[in-house]
């Protein structure tokens, strides 16, 4: 496989495993790289080609996205077959990003409170930069990415899975979550998808996708980039801070950073709690379709508790 990049003989070491598998590639004088092997059937060739094109556009626009390393024939990715693997796999290569994650998902802060707030200012700034580049970028022919709209986030056909499929939900929880989903759908429809609030986004501002490096904060893993609301990225980046003293300061910091790049009126920001609930439902869907993973079993109770804690107030606000 590495022969596709003229890196035969390079050493591989596992780096991360979520939907895809990522390996660290040590190639001596050629350098160090990240090899991504895609989950079978998760993305089409056109979707991957579009993702890599968007990453390159963002890089040209001044964001420190990982540099895509083309194969020897100039292709942005390759499709590889192996007798030990039942289906072909799409593979791509990136420059290696040296640094540490902004925050270990579900764990403690890797930075001091002040440094964390400073990082969230930069995170908001980059969200604004992404929106600016996306708004003016001329998309290439055949460009296609998933839509993180209401259906894509928490509908029956949600990209991460349908939350309704989680077997451990009680009848009372299902009824509450259906009411939340119904209200969210109405609120997001009313919020709309005009260019000032909807467009190409990163789609996965998880703490482990935010690297603190010597040259600044860098976003990695654009596998879920697509059409969506920047506030959905806000919700993803802030979700792990729910209930912690750093939550409000980091919200303020992220908003301030975004507003350095483009407007974010208070009436739009008022919908952030709704996006946090929408993101929570999407994570329940992730757990429902990945019951074989220890992490899914581990985080599902926390997600359910969050919906039970914050959902009723959201619904009550509608009735007020």
C-alpha atoms as a PDB file:
ATOM      1  CA  UNK A   1       0.000   0.000   0.000  1.00  0.00           C
ATOM      2  CA  UNK A   2       2.724   2.507   0.936  1.00  0.00           C
ATOM      3  CA  UNK A   3       4.274   1.804  -2.446  1.00  0.00           C
ATOM      4  CA  UNK A   4       1.520   4.028  -3.837  1.00  0.00           C
ATOM      5  CA  UNK A   5       3.436   6.930  -2.254  1.00  0.00           C
ATOM      6  CA  UNK A   6       6.896   5.488  -2.981  1.00  0.00           C
ATOM      7  CA  UNK A   7       7.312   4.788   0.735  1.00  0.00           C
ATOM      8  CA  UNK A   8       8.053   1.068   0.587  1.00  0.00           C
ATOM      9  CA  UNK A   9       9.884   0.004   3.735  1.00  0.00           C
ATOM     10  CA  UNK A  10       8.462   2.743   5.956  1.00  0.00           C
ATOM     11  CA  UNK A  11       7.437   1.693   9.469  1.00  0.00           C
ATOM     12  CA  UNK A  12       3.801   1.766  10.587  1.00  0.00           C
ATOM     13  CA  UNK A  13       2.465   2.225  14.114  1.00  0.00           C
ATOM     14  CA  UNK A  14      -1.221   2.496  15.164  1.00  0.00           C
ATOM     15  CA  UNK A  15      -2.156   6.073  16.067  1.00  0.00           C
ATOM     16  CA  UNK A  16      -5.958   6.164  16.399  1.00  0.00           C
ATOM     17  CA  UNK A  17      -9.026   4.049  15.781  1.00  0.00           C
ATOM     18  CA  UNK A  18     -12.542   5.435  15.584  1.00  0.00           C
ATOM     19  CA  UNK A  19     -14.577   5.141  12.406  1.00  0.00           C
ATOM     20  CA  UNK A  20     -11.314   4.898  10.467  1.00  0.00           C
ATOM     21  CA  UNK A  21      -7.884   3.585  11.360  1.00  0.00           C
ATOM     22  CA  UNK A  22      -4.944   5.985  11.426  1.00  0.00           C
ATOM     23  CA  UNK A  23      -1.313   4.911  11.422  1.00  0.00           C
ATOM     24  CA  UNK A  24       1.842   6.858  12.053  1.00  0.00           C
ATOM     25  CA  UNK A  25       4.253   6.366   9.159  1.00  0.00           C
ATOM     26  CA  UNK A  26       7.972   6.722   9.836  1.00  0.00           C
ATOM     27  CA  UNK A  27       9.654   7.085   6.462  1.00  0.00           C
ATOM     28  CA  UNK A  28      13.184   8.094   7.409  1.00  0.00           C
ATOM     29  CA  UNK A  29      14.512  10.909   5.255  1.00  0.00           C
ATOM     30  CA  UNK A  30      11.116  11.186   3.543  1.00  0.00           C
ATOM     31  CA  UNK A  31       9.558  12.350   6.796  1.00  0.00           C
ATOM     32  CA  UNK A  32       6.686  11.365   9.046  1.00  0.00           C
ATOM     33  CA  UNK A  33       3.092  10.989   7.881  1.00  0.00           C
ATOM     34  CA  UNK A  34      -0.402   9.964   8.957  1.00  0.00           C
ATOM     35  CA  UNK A  35      -1.990   7.158   6.940  1.00  0.00           C
ATOM     36  CA  UNK A  36      -5.772   6.957   7.126  1.00  0.00           C
ATOM     37  CA  UNK A  37      -7.524   3.723   6.176  1.00  0.00           C
ATOM     38  CA  UNK A  38     -11.224   4.392   5.766  1.00  0.00           C
ATOM     39  CA  UNK A  39     -13.976   2.306   7.260  1.00  0.00           C
ATOM     40  CA  UNK A  40     -15.511   0.207   4.497  1.00  0.00           C
ATOM     41  CA  UNK A  41     -18.587   1.814   2.983  1.00  0.00           C
ATOM     42  CA  UNK A  42     -18.594   4.886   5.239  1.00  0.00           C
ATOM     43  CA  UNK A  43     -17.704   7.391   2.514  1.00  0.00           C
ATOM     44  CA  UNK A  44     -17.914   7.236  -1.271  1.00  0.00           C
ATOM     45  CA  UNK A  45     -14.918   8.052  -3.451  1.00  0.00           C
ATOM     46  CA  UNK A  46     -16.572  11.331  -4.443  1.00  0.00           C
ATOM     47  CA  UNK A  47     -17.133  12.251  -0.792  1.00  0.00           C
ATOM     48  CA  UNK A  48     -13.481  11.629   0.072  1.00  0.00           C
ATOM     49  CA  UNK A  49     -12.291  13.537  -2.978  1.00  0.00           C
ATOM     50  CA  UNK A  50     -14.548  16.417  -1.909  1.00  0.00           C
ATOM     51  CA  UNK A  51     -13.273  16.336   1.674  1.00  0.00           C
ATOM     52  CA  UNK A  52      -9.655  16.549   0.547  1.00  0.00           C
ATOM     53  CA  UNK A  53     -10.464  19.364  -1.885  1.00  0.00           C
ATOM     54  CA  UNK A  54     -12.147  21.324   0.910  1.00  0.00           C
ATOM     55  CA  UNK A  55      -9.167  20.773   3.219  1.00  0.00           C
ATOM     56  CA  UNK A  56      -6.827  22.084   0.536  1.00  0.00           C
ATOM     57  CA  UNK A  57      -9.065  25.116  -0.021  1.00  0.00           C
ATOM     58  CA  UNK A  58      -9.008  25.869   3.700  1.00  0.00           C
ATOM     59  CA  UNK A  59      -5.236  25.548   3.744  1.00  0.00           C
ATOM     60  CA  UNK A  60      -4.963  27.968   0.830  1.00  0.00           C
ATOM     61  CA  UNK A  61      -7.283  30.270   2.777  1.00  0.00           C
ATOM     62  CA  UNK A  62      -4.853  30.417   5.689  1.00  0.00           C
ATOM     63  CA  UNK A  63      -5.991  27.631   8.022  1.00  0.00           C
ATOM     64  CA  UNK A  64      -3.442  25.111   9.271  1.00  0.00           C
ATOM     65  CA  UNK A  65      -5.229  22.006   8.040  1.00  0.00           C
ATOM     66  CA  UNK A  66      -3.126  18.866   7.560  1.00  0.00           C
ATOM     67  CA  UNK A  67      -1.467  18.887   4.163  1.00  0.00           C
ATOM     68  CA  UNK A  68      -2.735  16.171   1.829  1.00  0.00           C
ATOM     69  CA  UNK A  69       0.117  14.087   0.381  1.00  0.00           C
ATOM     70  CA  UNK A  70      -0.828  12.919  -3.130  1.00  0.00           C
ATOM     71  CA  UNK A  71       0.045   9.414  -4.275  1.00  0.00           C
ATOM     72  CA  UNK A  72       2.882   8.952  -6.749  1.00  0.00           C
ATOM     73  CA  UNK A  73       0.418   9.140  -9.650  1.00  0.00           C
ATOM     74  CA  UNK A  74      -0.997  12.428  -8.339  1.00  0.00           C
ATOM     75  CA  UNK A  75      -4.216  10.949  -6.936  1.00  0.00           C
ATOM     76  CA  UNK A  76      -5.421  12.476  -3.643  1.00  0.00           C
ATOM     77  CA  UNK A  77      -6.202   8.977  -2.311  1.00  0.00           C
ATOM     78  CA  UNK A  78      -5.959   5.364  -3.418  1.00  0.00           C
ATOM     79  CA  UNK A  79      -8.212   2.309  -3.216  1.00  0.00           C
ATOM     80  CA  UNK A  80      -6.342  -0.778  -2.056  1.00  0.00           C
ATOM     81  CA  UNK A  81      -7.290  -4.451  -2.035  1.00  0.00           C
ATOM     82  CA  UNK A  82      -5.702  -7.158   0.097  1.00  0.00           C
ATOM     83  CA  UNK A  83      -6.476 -10.842   0.375  1.00  0.00           C
ATOM     84  CA  UNK A  84      -6.807 -10.633   4.168  1.00  0.00           C
ATOM     85  CA  UNK A  85      -9.412  -7.834   3.994  1.00  0.00           C
ATOM     86  CA  UNK A  86     -12.877  -8.686   2.633  1.00  0.00           C
ATOM     87  CA  UNK A  87     -13.458  -5.389   0.825  1.00  0.00           C
ATOM     88  CA  UNK A  88     -11.401  -2.663  -0.888  1.00  0.00           C
ATOM     89  CA  UNK A  89     -10.319   0.213   1.355  1.00  0.00           C
ATOM     90  CA  UNK A  90      -9.792   3.865   0.532  1.00  0.00           C
ATOM     91  CA  UNK A  91      -6.507   5.189   1.900  1.00  0.00           C
ATOM     92  CA  UNK A  92      -5.026   8.670   2.058  1.00  0.00           C
ATOM     93  CA  UNK A  93      -1.878  10.222   3.453  1.00  0.00           C
ATOM     94  CA  UNK A  94      -1.283  13.482   5.331  1.00  0.00           C
ATOM     95  CA  UNK A  95       1.600  15.312   6.892  1.00  0.00           C
ATOM     96  CA  UNK A  96       2.081  14.237  10.511  1.00  0.00           C
ATOM     97  CA  UNK A  97       0.810  16.805  13.030  1.00  0.00           C
ATOM     98  CA  UNK A  98       3.033  16.931  16.109  1.00  0.00           C
ATOM     99  CA  UNK A  99       1.358  18.116  19.296  1.00  0.00           C
ATOM    100  CA  UNK A 100      -1.172  17.089  21.922  1.00  0.00           C
ATOM    101  CA  UNK A 101      -4.943  17.120  21.948  1.00  0.00           C
ATOM    102  CA  UNK A 102      -6.694  20.161  23.345  1.00  0.00           C
ATOM    103  CA  UNK A 103      -8.635  17.990  25.709  1.00  0.00           C
ATOM    104  CA  UNK A 104      -8.919  14.251  26.185  1.00  0.00           C
ATOM    105  CA  UNK A 105     -12.550  13.387  25.473  1.00  0.00           C
ATOM    106  CA  UNK A 106     -14.375  12.781  28.739  1.00  0.00           C
ATOM    107  CA  UNK A 107     -11.260  13.509  30.784  1.00  0.00           C
ATOM    108  CA  UNK A 108      -9.616  16.450  32.450  1.00  0.00           C
ATOM    109  CA  UNK A 109      -8.300  19.556  30.794  1.00  0.00           C
ATOM    110  CA  UNK A 110      -4.838  19.285  29.313  1.00  0.00           C
ATOM    111  CA  UNK A 111      -4.452  23.070  29.685  1.00  0.00           C
ATOM    112  CA  UNK A 112      -4.940  25.592  32.471  1.00  0.00           C
ATOM    113  CA  UNK A 113      -8.297  27.383  32.548  1.00  0.00           C
ATOM    114  CA  UNK A 114      -6.802  30.535  31.025  1.00  0.00           C
ATOM    115  CA  UNK A 115      -4.986  28.591  28.328  1.00  0.00           C
ATOM    116  CA  UNK A 116      -8.151  26.594  27.609  1.00  0.00           C
ATOM    117  CA  UNK A 117     -10.172  29.790  27.157  1.00  0.00           C
ATOM    118  CA  UNK A 118      -7.453  31.153  24.886  1.00  0.00           C
ATOM    119  CA  UNK A 119      -7.592  27.952  22.841  1.00  0.00           C
ATOM    120  CA  UNK A 120     -11.376  28.240  22.521  1.00  0.00           C
ATOM    121  CA  UNK A 121     -10.972  31.796  21.285  1.00  0.00           C
ATOM    122  CA  UNK A 122      -8.778  30.413  18.522  1.00  0.00           C
ATOM    123  CA  UNK A 123     -11.248  27.597  17.924  1.00  0.00           C
ATOM    124  CA  UNK A 124     -14.034  30.125  17.400  1.00  0.00           C
ATOM    125  CA  UNK A 125     -11.756  32.177  15.183  1.00  0.00           C
ATOM    126  CA  UNK A 126     -11.077  29.141  12.997  1.00  0.00           C
ATOM    127  CA  UNK A 127     -14.780  28.294  12.807  1.00  0.00           C
ATOM    128  CA  UNK A 128     -15.331  31.782  11.442  1.00  0.00           C
ATOM    129  CA  UNK A 129     -12.458  31.403   8.993  1.00  0.00           C
ATOM    130  CA  UNK A 130     -13.871  28.094   7.772  1.00  0.00           C
ATOM    131  CA  UNK A 131     -17.258  29.724   7.201  1.00  0.00           C
ATOM    132  CA  UNK A 132     -15.640  32.614   5.320  1.00  0.00           C
ATOM    133  CA  UNK A 133     -13.584  30.355   3.049  1.00  0.00           C
ATOM    134  CA  UNK A 134     -16.555  28.055   2.433  1.00  0.00           C
ATOM    135  CA  UNK A 135     -18.801  30.962   1.513  1.00  0.00           C
ATOM    136  CA  UNK A 136     -16.506  32.260  -1.232  1.00  0.00           C
ATOM    137  CA  UNK A 137     -15.006  28.959  -2.414  1.00  0.00           C
ATOM    138  CA  UNK A 138     -15.973  27.715  -5.866  1.00  0.00           C
ATOM    139  CA  UNK A 139     -16.707  24.041  -5.341  1.00  0.00           C
ATOM    140  CA  UNK A 140     -15.310  21.647  -7.949  1.00  0.00           C
ATOM    141  CA  UNK A 141     -17.562  19.590 -10.196  1.00  0.00           C
ATOM    142  CA  UNK A 142     -18.868  16.487  -8.458  1.00  0.00           C
ATOM    143  CA  UNK A 143     -18.428  17.952  -4.976  1.00  0.00           C
ATOM    144  CA  UNK A 144     -20.573  16.090  -2.453  1.00  0.00           C
ATOM    145  CA  UNK A 145     -20.575  15.969   1.333  1.00  0.00           C
ATOM    146  CA  UNK A 146     -23.194  14.919   3.915  1.00  0.00           C
ATOM    147  CA  UNK A 147     -25.635  17.486   5.273  1.00  0.00           C
ATOM    148  CA  UNK A 148     -25.694  18.016   9.035  1.00  0.00           C
ATOM    149  CA  UNK A 149     -29.279  19.227   8.978  1.00  0.00           C
ATOM    150  CA  UNK A 150     -32.008  18.062  11.354  1.00  0.00           C
ATOM    151  CA  UNK A 151     -32.418  14.727   9.564  1.00  0.00           C
ATOM    152  CA  UNK A 152     -28.678  14.155   9.356  1.00  0.00           C
ATOM    153  CA  UNK A 153     -28.145  14.955  13.038  1.00  0.00           C
ATOM    154  CA  UNK A 154     -31.001  13.213  14.855  1.00  0.00           C
ATOM    155  CA  UNK A 155     -33.506  11.927  12.285  1.00  0.00           C
ATOM    156  CA  UNK A 156     -34.271   8.303  11.493  1.00  0.00           C
ATOM    157  CA  UNK A 157     -31.536   8.433   8.852  1.00  0.00           C
ATOM    158  CA  UNK A 158     -28.981  10.265  11.032  1.00  0.00           C
ATOM    159  CA  UNK A 159     -25.384   9.923   9.872  1.00  0.00           C
ATOM    160  CA  UNK A 160     -24.127   8.557  13.190  1.00  0.00           C
ATOM    161  CA  UNK A 161     -27.150   6.349  13.780  1.00  0.00           C
ATOM    162  CA  UNK A 162     -30.747   6.634  14.981  1.00  0.00           C
ATOM    163  CA  UNK A 163     -30.943   7.336  18.721  1.00  0.00           C
ATOM    164  CA  UNK A 164     -34.275   5.492  18.805  1.00  0.00           C
ATOM    165  CA  UNK A 165     -32.393   2.225  18.283  1.00  0.00           C
ATOM    166  CA  UNK A 166     -30.735   2.374  21.718  1.00  0.00           C
ATOM    167  CA  UNK A 167     -32.280  -0.638  23.454  1.00  0.00           C
ATOM    168  CA  UNK A 168     -31.595   0.582  26.999  1.00  0.00           C
ATOM    169  CA  UNK A 169     -33.930   3.597  26.739  1.00  0.00           C
ATOM    170  CA  UNK A 170     -37.009   3.454  28.948  1.00  0.00           C
ATOM    171  CA  UNK A 171     -40.451   4.350  27.636  1.00  0.00           C
ATOM    172  CA  UNK A 172     -40.344   7.621  29.581  1.00  0.00           C
ATOM    173  CA  UNK A 173     -36.965   8.508  28.096  1.00  0.00           C
ATOM    174  CA  UNK A 174     -38.156   7.727  24.579  1.00  0.00           C
ATOM    175  CA  UNK A 175     -41.185   9.958  25.036  1.00  0.00           C
ATOM    176  CA  UNK A 176     -39.058  12.819  26.369  1.00  0.00           C
ATOM    177  CA  UNK A 177     -36.456  12.483  23.630  1.00  0.00           C
ATOM    178  CA  UNK A 178     -39.136  12.388  20.919  1.00  0.00           C
ATOM    179  CA  UNK A 179     -40.551  15.639  22.270  1.00  0.00           C
ATOM    180  CA  UNK A 180     -37.066  17.163  22.270  1.00  0.00           C
ATOM    181  CA  UNK A 181     -36.448  15.985  18.702  1.00  0.00           C
ATOM    182  CA  UNK A 182     -39.793  17.357  17.519  1.00  0.00           C
ATOM    183  CA  UNK A 183     -39.089  20.748  19.083  1.00  0.00           C
ATOM    184  CA  UNK A 184     -35.537  20.783  17.702  1.00  0.00           C
ATOM    185  CA  UNK A 185     -36.771  20.052  14.206  1.00  0.00           C
ATOM    186  CA  UNK A 186     -39.205  22.967  14.401  1.00  0.00           C
ATOM    187  CA  UNK A 187     -36.591  25.342  15.832  1.00  0.00           C
ATOM    188  CA  UNK A 188     -33.958  24.431  13.249  1.00  0.00           C
ATOM    189  CA  UNK A 189     -36.449  24.798  10.420  1.00  0.00           C
ATOM    190  CA  UNK A 190     -37.361  28.251  11.713  1.00  0.00           C
ATOM    191  CA  UNK A 191     -33.673  29.123  12.152  1.00  0.00           C
ATOM    192  CA  UNK A 192     -33.104  28.431   8.481  1.00  0.00           C
ATOM    193  CA  UNK A 193     -30.134  27.709   6.245  1.00  0.00           C
ATOM    194  CA  UNK A 194     -29.189  31.095   4.838  1.00  0.00           C
ATOM    195  CA  UNK A 195     -25.459  31.653   4.113  1.00  0.00           C
ATOM    196  CA  UNK A 196     -25.004  33.817   7.212  1.00  0.00           C
ATOM    197  CA  UNK A 197     -25.658  30.776   9.423  1.00  0.00           C
ATOM    198  CA  UNK A 198     -25.279  27.609   7.320  1.00  0.00           C
ATOM    199  CA  UNK A 199     -22.574  26.255   5.026  1.00  0.00           C
ATOM    200  CA  UNK A 200     -19.601  23.903   4.881  1.00  0.00           C
ATOM    201  CA  UNK A 201     -18.334  23.121   8.389  1.00  0.00           C
ATOM    202  CA  UNK A 202     -15.776  20.842  10.017  1.00  0.00           C
ATOM    203  CA  UNK A 203     -18.574  18.692  11.424  1.00  0.00           C
ATOM    204  CA  UNK A 204     -16.568  17.033  14.208  1.00  0.00           C
ATOM    205  CA  UNK A 205     -15.005  19.546  16.627  1.00  0.00           C
ATOM    206  CA  UNK A 206     -14.283  16.761  19.105  1.00  0.00           C
ATOM    207  CA  UNK A 207     -11.505  17.464  21.621  1.00  0.00           C
ATOM    208  CA  UNK A 208      -9.283  14.771  20.116  1.00  0.00           C
ATOM    209  CA  UNK A 209      -9.530  16.501  16.730  1.00  0.00           C
ATOM    210  CA  UNK A 210      -8.039  19.723  18.097  1.00  0.00           C
ATOM    211  CA  UNK A 211      -4.270  19.641  18.301  1.00  0.00           C
ATOM    212  CA  UNK A 212      -2.194  22.121  20.284  1.00  0.00           C
ATOM    213  CA  UNK A 213       1.022  22.534  18.285  1.00  0.00           C
ATOM    214  CA  UNK A 214       4.031  24.820  18.340  1.00  0.00           C
ATOM    215  CA  UNK A 215       2.542  26.804  15.449  1.00  0.00           C
ATOM    216  CA  UNK A 216      -0.921  27.081  17.001  1.00  0.00           C
ATOM    217  CA  UNK A 217      -4.187  25.186  17.303  1.00  0.00           C
ATOM    218  CA  UNK A 218      -4.737  22.838  14.373  1.00  0.00           C
ATOM    219  CA  UNK A 219      -7.871  20.999  13.308  1.00  0.00           C
ATOM    220  CA  UNK A 220      -7.529  17.432  12.082  1.00  0.00           C
ATOM    221  CA  UNK A 221      -9.950  14.753  10.841  1.00  0.00           C
ATOM    222  CA  UNK A 222     -12.323  16.365   8.351  1.00  0.00           C
ATOM    223  CA  UNK A 223     -14.033  13.025   7.691  1.00  0.00           C
ATOM    224  CA  UNK A 224     -17.397  14.441   8.816  1.00  0.00           C
ATOM    225  CA  UNK A 225     -17.123  17.833   7.138  1.00  0.00           C
ATOM    226  CA  UNK A 226     -20.281  18.819   5.339  1.00  0.00           C
ATOM    227  CA  UNK A 227     -23.117  21.275   5.050  1.00  0.00           C
ATOM    228  CA  UNK A 228     -24.239  22.476   8.437  1.00  0.00           C
ATOM    229  CA  UNK A 229     -24.564  25.233  10.991  1.00  0.00           C
ATOM    230  CA  UNK A 230     -21.355  26.606  12.563  1.00  0.00           C
ATOM    231  CA  UNK A 231     -23.277  26.565  15.848  1.00  0.00           C
ATOM    232  CA  UNK A 232     -23.383  22.776  15.529  1.00  0.00           C
ATOM    233  CA  UNK A 233     -19.579  22.825  15.537  1.00  0.00           C
ATOM    234  CA  UNK A 234     -19.768  25.077  18.603  1.00  0.00           C
ATOM    235  CA  UNK A 235     -21.957  22.497  20.319  1.00  0.00           C
ATOM    236  CA  UNK A 236     -19.530  19.698  19.466  1.00  0.00           C
ATOM    237  CA  UNK A 237     -16.494  21.573  20.718  1.00  0.00           C
ATOM    238  CA  UNK A 238     -18.181  22.648  23.941  1.00  0.00           C
ATOM    239  CA  UNK A 239     -20.059  19.439  24.724  1.00  0.00           C
ATOM    240  CA  UNK A 240     -17.318  17.864  26.809  1.00  0.00           C
ATOM    241  CA  UNK A 241     -17.283  20.944  29.069  1.00  0.00           C
ATOM    242  CA  UNK A 242     -20.955  20.701  30.058  1.00  0.00           C
ATOM    243  CA  UNK A 243     -21.353  21.000  33.811  1.00  0.00           C
ATOM    244  CA  UNK A 244     -17.786  22.209  34.350  1.00  0.00           C
ATOM    245  CA  UNK A 245     -16.740  25.665  35.613  1.00  0.00           C
ATOM    246  CA  UNK A 246     -14.889  26.291  32.355  1.00  0.00           C
ATOM    247  CA  UNK A 247     -18.027  25.937  30.211  1.00  0.00           C
ATOM    248  CA  UNK A 248     -19.294  29.539  30.303  1.00  0.00           C
ATOM    249  CA  UNK A 249     -15.837  31.138  29.897  1.00  0.00           C
ATOM    250  CA  UNK A 250     -15.113  28.866  26.938  1.00  0.00           C
ATOM    251  CA  UNK A 251     -18.478  29.691  25.335  1.00  0.00           C
ATOM    252  CA  UNK A 252     -17.678  33.398  25.671  1.00  0.00           C
ATOM    253  CA  UNK A 253     -14.172  32.841  24.312  1.00  0.00           C
ATOM    254  CA  UNK A 254     -15.364  30.833  21.329  1.00  0.00           C
ATOM    255  CA  UNK A 255     -18.017  33.413  20.473  1.00  0.00           C
ATOM    256  CA  UNK A 256     -15.480  36.238  20.733  1.00  0.00           C
ATOM    257  CA  UNK A 257     -13.094  34.427  18.396  1.00  0.00           C
ATOM    258  CA  UNK A 258     -15.817  33.746  15.844  1.00  0.00           C
ATOM    259  CA  UNK A 259     -16.974  37.355  15.930  1.00  0.00           C
ATOM    260  CA  UNK A 260     -13.470  38.480  15.019  1.00  0.00           C
ATOM    261  CA  UNK A 261     -14.066  36.818  11.644  1.00  0.00           C
ATOM    262  CA  UNK A 262     -17.772  37.257  10.914  1.00  0.00           C
ATOM    263  CA  UNK A 263     -20.988  38.354  12.639  1.00  0.00           C
ATOM    264  CA  UNK A 264     -22.802  36.126  15.105  1.00  0.00           C
ATOM    265  CA  UNK A 265     -25.903  38.013  16.291  1.00  0.00           C
ATOM    266  CA  UNK A 266     -27.220  37.305  19.776  1.00  0.00           C
ATOM    267  CA  UNK A 267     -30.494  36.046  18.309  1.00  0.00           C
ATOM    268  CA  UNK A 268     -28.550  33.309  16.503  1.00  0.00           C
ATOM    269  CA  UNK A 269     -26.390  32.520  19.527  1.00  0.00           C
ATOM    270  CA  UNK A 270     -29.563  32.031  21.572  1.00  0.00           C
ATOM    271  CA  UNK A 271     -30.049  28.721  19.755  1.00  0.00           C
ATOM    272  CA  UNK A 272     -26.779  27.228  21.068  1.00  0.00           C
ATOM    273  CA  UNK A 273     -28.579  25.182  23.787  1.00  0.00           C
ATOM    274  CA  UNK A 274     -30.722  23.623  21.062  1.00  0.00           C
ATOM    275  CA  UNK A 275     -27.648  22.647  19.072  1.00  0.00           C
ATOM    276  CA  UNK A 276     -26.103  21.098  22.184  1.00  0.00           C
ATOM    277  CA  UNK A 277     -29.219  18.964  22.654  1.00  0.00           C
ATOM    278  CA  UNK A 278     -29.153  18.045  18.958  1.00  0.00           C
ATOM    279  CA  UNK A 279     -25.516  16.988  19.262  1.00  0.00           C
ATOM    280  CA  UNK A 280     -26.379  14.935  22.341  1.00  0.00           C
ATOM    281  CA  UNK A 281     -29.099  13.068  20.444  1.00  0.00           C
ATOM    282  CA  UNK A 282     -26.613  12.394  17.646  1.00  0.00           C
ATOM    283  CA  UNK A 283     -24.192  10.857  20.132  1.00  0.00           C
ATOM    284  CA  UNK A 284     -26.950   8.630  21.521  1.00  0.00           C
ATOM    285  CA  UNK A 285     -27.435   7.454  17.931  1.00  0.00           C
ATOM    286  CA  UNK A 286     -23.710   6.762  17.715  1.00  0.00           C
ATOM    287  CA  UNK A 287     -23.944   4.607  20.836  1.00  0.00           C
ATOM    288  CA  UNK A 288     -27.023   2.792  19.525  1.00  0.00           C
ATOM    289  CA  UNK A 289     -25.199   1.608  16.414  1.00  0.00           C
ATOM    290  CA  UNK A 290     -21.895   0.766  18.105  1.00  0.00           C
ATOM    291  CA  UNK A 291     -22.892  -1.375  21.050  1.00  0.00           C
ATOM    292  CA  UNK A 292     -19.817  -3.526  20.394  1.00  0.00           C
ATOM    293  CA  UNK A 293     -17.570  -0.646  21.470  1.00  0.00           C
ATOM    294  CA  UNK A 294     -16.723  -0.199  25.135  1.00  0.00           C
ATOM    295  CA  UNK A 295     -16.793   3.579  24.733  1.00  0.00           C
ATOM    296  CA  UNK A 296     -20.404   3.487  23.526  1.00  0.00           C
ATOM    297  CA  UNK A 297     -21.492   1.521  26.588  1.00  0.00           C
ATOM    298  CA  UNK A 298     -19.502   3.863  28.805  1.00  0.00           C
ATOM    299  CA  UNK A 299     -20.834   7.214  27.562  1.00  0.00           C
ATOM    300  CA  UNK A 300     -24.476   6.329  26.840  1.00  0.00           C
ATOM    301  CA  UNK A 301     -25.641   6.845  30.465  1.00  0.00           C
ATOM    302  CA  UNK A 302     -24.007  10.283  30.560  1.00  0.00           C
ATOM    303  CA  UNK A 303     -25.715  11.299  27.322  1.00  0.00           C
ATOM    304  CA  UNK A 304     -29.093  10.111  28.558  1.00  0.00           C
ATOM    305  CA  UNK A 305     -28.599  11.976  31.838  1.00  0.00           C
ATOM    306  CA  UNK A 306     -27.734  15.178  29.954  1.00  0.00           C
ATOM    307  CA  UNK A 307     -30.912  14.975  27.875  1.00  0.00           C
ATOM    308  CA  UNK A 308     -32.983  14.318  30.991  1.00  0.00           C
ATOM    309  CA  UNK A 309     -31.311  17.223  32.807  1.00  0.00           C
ATOM    310  CA  UNK A 310     -31.470  19.896  30.102  1.00  0.00           C
ATOM    311  CA  UNK A 311     -34.315  18.729  27.863  1.00  0.00           C
ATOM    312  CA  UNK A 312     -37.275  19.644  30.113  1.00  0.00           C
ATOM    313  CA  UNK A 313     -36.077  23.247  30.524  1.00  0.00           C
ATOM    314  CA  UNK A 314     -35.703  23.539  26.754  1.00  0.00           C
ATOM    315  CA  UNK A 315     -39.247  22.271  26.261  1.00  0.00           C
ATOM    316  CA  UNK A 316     -40.609  24.474  29.056  1.00  0.00           C
ATOM    317  CA  UNK A 317     -39.077  27.532  27.428  1.00  0.00           C
ATOM    318  CA  UNK A 318     -41.205  26.788  24.367  1.00  0.00           C
ATOM    319  CA  UNK A 319     -44.326  26.815  26.472  1.00  0.00           C
ATOM    320  CA  UNK A 320     -43.445  30.031  28.309  1.00  0.00           C
END
